[in-house]
Amino acid sequence: RWIADQDPQVLLADNLSMVHDRVPVPTLFLVGARDSLTTARAVQQTYDRVGHARCELHVLGRESGYEYDYRHFDILVGGRIASEAAPMVVDWVNAAQTTTVRWGYRGQAVGS
């Protein structure tokens, strides 16, 4: 539901926070350093609100060691993403799979 008088970034952060309170799933936040649609500051605020041990935030840009300051869609379809950030994402997903609690019926933990 859209609420016209509230900042969409705040609504997103509040909703993510509620989800993580119930089921703390690993979450990888990616944002381009030159993203003008969803700024690094806004993603940082969302990350801070969700903030549990299995969350990571990566700002994809030169200051973080990347060769390019990514924009919004560069993260998905940019020419450099396959060699720069994709290996990090694959490693993160593999690590998250080995440490995630599997959830069974009605959200009860069934093993790790």
Protein backbone atom coordinates (compact mmCIF):
# COMPACT_ATOMS: atom_id res chain seq x y z
CA ARG A 1 0.00 0.00 0.00
CA TRP A 2 1.37 3.39 -0.98
CA ILE A 3 1.11 6.25 1.48
CA ALA A 4 1.53 9.51 -0.44
CA ASP A 5 2.74 11.66 2.45
CA GLN A 6 5.61 9.36 3.51
CA ASP A 7 9.07 8.98 2.06
CA PRO A 8 9.23 5.70 0.07
CA GLN A 9 12.72 4.97 1.45
CA VAL A 10 11.36 5.13 5.00
CA LEU A 11 8.48 2.82 4.09
CA LEU A 12 10.92 0.34 2.54
CA ALA A 13 13.16 0.41 5.59
CA ASP A 14 10.23 -0.05 7.97
CA ASN A 15 8.90 -3.01 6.00
CA LEU A 16 12.31 -4.68 5.78
CA SER A 17 12.81 -4.15 9.49
CA MET A 18 9.51 -5.92 10.25
CA VAL A 19 10.46 -8.88 8.04
CA HIS A 20 13.87 -9.26 9.65
CA ASP A 21 12.37 -9.12 13.13
CA ARG A 22 10.35 -12.24 12.28
CA VAL A 23 12.75 -14.17 10.06
CA PRO A 24 16.34 -12.93 10.14
CA VAL A 25 17.38 -13.97 6.63
CA PRO A 26 20.77 -13.02 5.21
CA THR A 27 20.51 -9.85 3.14
CA LEU A 28 23.04 -8.36 0.75
CA PHE A 29 22.53 -4.67 0.03
CA LEU A 30 24.19 -3.41 -3.16
CA VAL A 31 24.15 0.19 -4.34
CA GLY A 32 26.14 2.04 -6.93
CA ALA A 33 28.30 4.92 -5.78
CA ARG A 34 26.74 7.09 -8.54
CA ASP A 35 23.20 5.71 -8.20
CA SER A 36 20.83 8.65 -8.46
CA LEU A 37 17.64 6.57 -8.25
CA THR A 38 18.41 4.90 -4.92
CA THR A 39 21.25 6.74 -3.25
CA ALA A 40 23.99 5.13 -1.19
CA ARG A 41 22.79 7.20 1.77
CA ALA A 42 19.23 5.83 1.47
CA VAL A 43 20.45 2.24 1.22
CA GLN A 44 22.76 2.82 4.20
CA GLN A 45 19.76 4.03 6.23
CA THR A 46 17.78 0.93 5.26
CA TYR A 47 20.74 -1.28 6.14
CA ASP A 48 21.07 0.44 9.52
CA ARG A 49 17.38 -0.13 10.29
CA VAL A 50 17.42 -3.80 9.32
CA GLY A 51 20.85 -4.33 10.83
CA HIS A 52 21.44 -7.84 12.03
CA ALA A 53 24.58 -9.94 11.87
CA ARG A 54 23.81 -11.53 8.50
CA CYS A 55 23.39 -8.29 6.57
CA GLU A 56 26.09 -6.76 4.42
CA LEU A 57 26.22 -3.48 2.53
CA HIS A 58 28.44 -2.88 -0.48
CA VAL A 59 28.70 0.51 -2.17
CA LEU A 60 30.05 -0.30 -5.62
CA GLY A 61 32.50 2.45 -6.52
CA ARG A 62 36.11 3.54 -6.65
CA GLU A 63 36.23 4.44 -2.94
CA SER A 64 35.38 0.81 -2.15
CA GLY A 65 38.06 -0.60 -4.44
CA TYR A 66 36.06 -1.06 -7.63
CA GLU A 67 37.37 0.23 -10.96
CA TYR A 68 34.15 2.08 -11.74
CA ASP A 69 31.56 4.16 -9.90
CA TYR A 70 28.41 2.15 -10.63
CA ARG A 71 24.99 3.64 -11.32
CA HIS A 72 21.61 2.04 -10.62
CA PHE A 73 21.30 -0.35 -13.56
CA ASP A 74 25.04 -0.94 -13.90
CA ILE A 75 24.73 -3.33 -10.96
CA LEU A 76 22.50 -5.63 -13.03
CA VAL A 77 23.53 -5.11 -16.63
CA GLY A 78 26.75 -3.08 -16.63
CA GLY A 79 29.65 -4.38 -18.67
CA ARG A 80 32.01 -4.52 -15.68
CA ILE A 81 29.69 -6.22 -13.19
CA ALA A 82 30.57 -9.77 -14.27
CA SER A 83 34.25 -9.35 -13.50
CA GLU A 84 34.03 -6.94 -10.55
CA ALA A 85 31.04 -7.57 -8.32
CA ALA A 86 29.49 -10.84 -9.48
CA PRO A 87 32.23 -13.02 -7.92
CA MET A 88 31.65 -11.26 -4.57
CA VAL A 89 27.90 -11.85 -4.83
CA VAL A 90 28.40 -15.55 -5.66
CA ASP A 91 30.77 -15.96 -2.70
CA TRP A 92 28.31 -14.17 -0.42
CA VAL A 93 25.37 -16.36 -1.52
CA ASN A 94 27.41 -19.53 -1.05
CA ALA A 95 28.48 -18.44 2.44
CA ALA A 96 24.91 -17.43 3.34
CA GLN A 97 23.57 -20.83 2.27
CA THR A 98 25.92 -22.66 4.59
CA THR A 99 25.00 -20.55 7.64
CA THR A 100 21.27 -20.04 7.15
CA VAL A 101 18.75 -21.77 9.36
CA ARG A 102 16.15 -23.53 7.25
CA TRP A 103 12.61 -22.57 8.21
CA GLY A 104 9.85 -25.11 8.39
CA TYR A 105 6.15 -24.92 8.96
CA ARG A 106 5.04 -21.71 10.73
CA GLY A 107 8.56 -20.32 10.83
CA GLN A 108 10.02 -22.87 13.24
CA ALA A 109 13.73 -23.58 12.80
CA VAL A 110 14.33 -27.12 11.58
CA GLY A 111 18.12 -27.25 11.38
CA SER A 112 21.14 -25.47 10.01
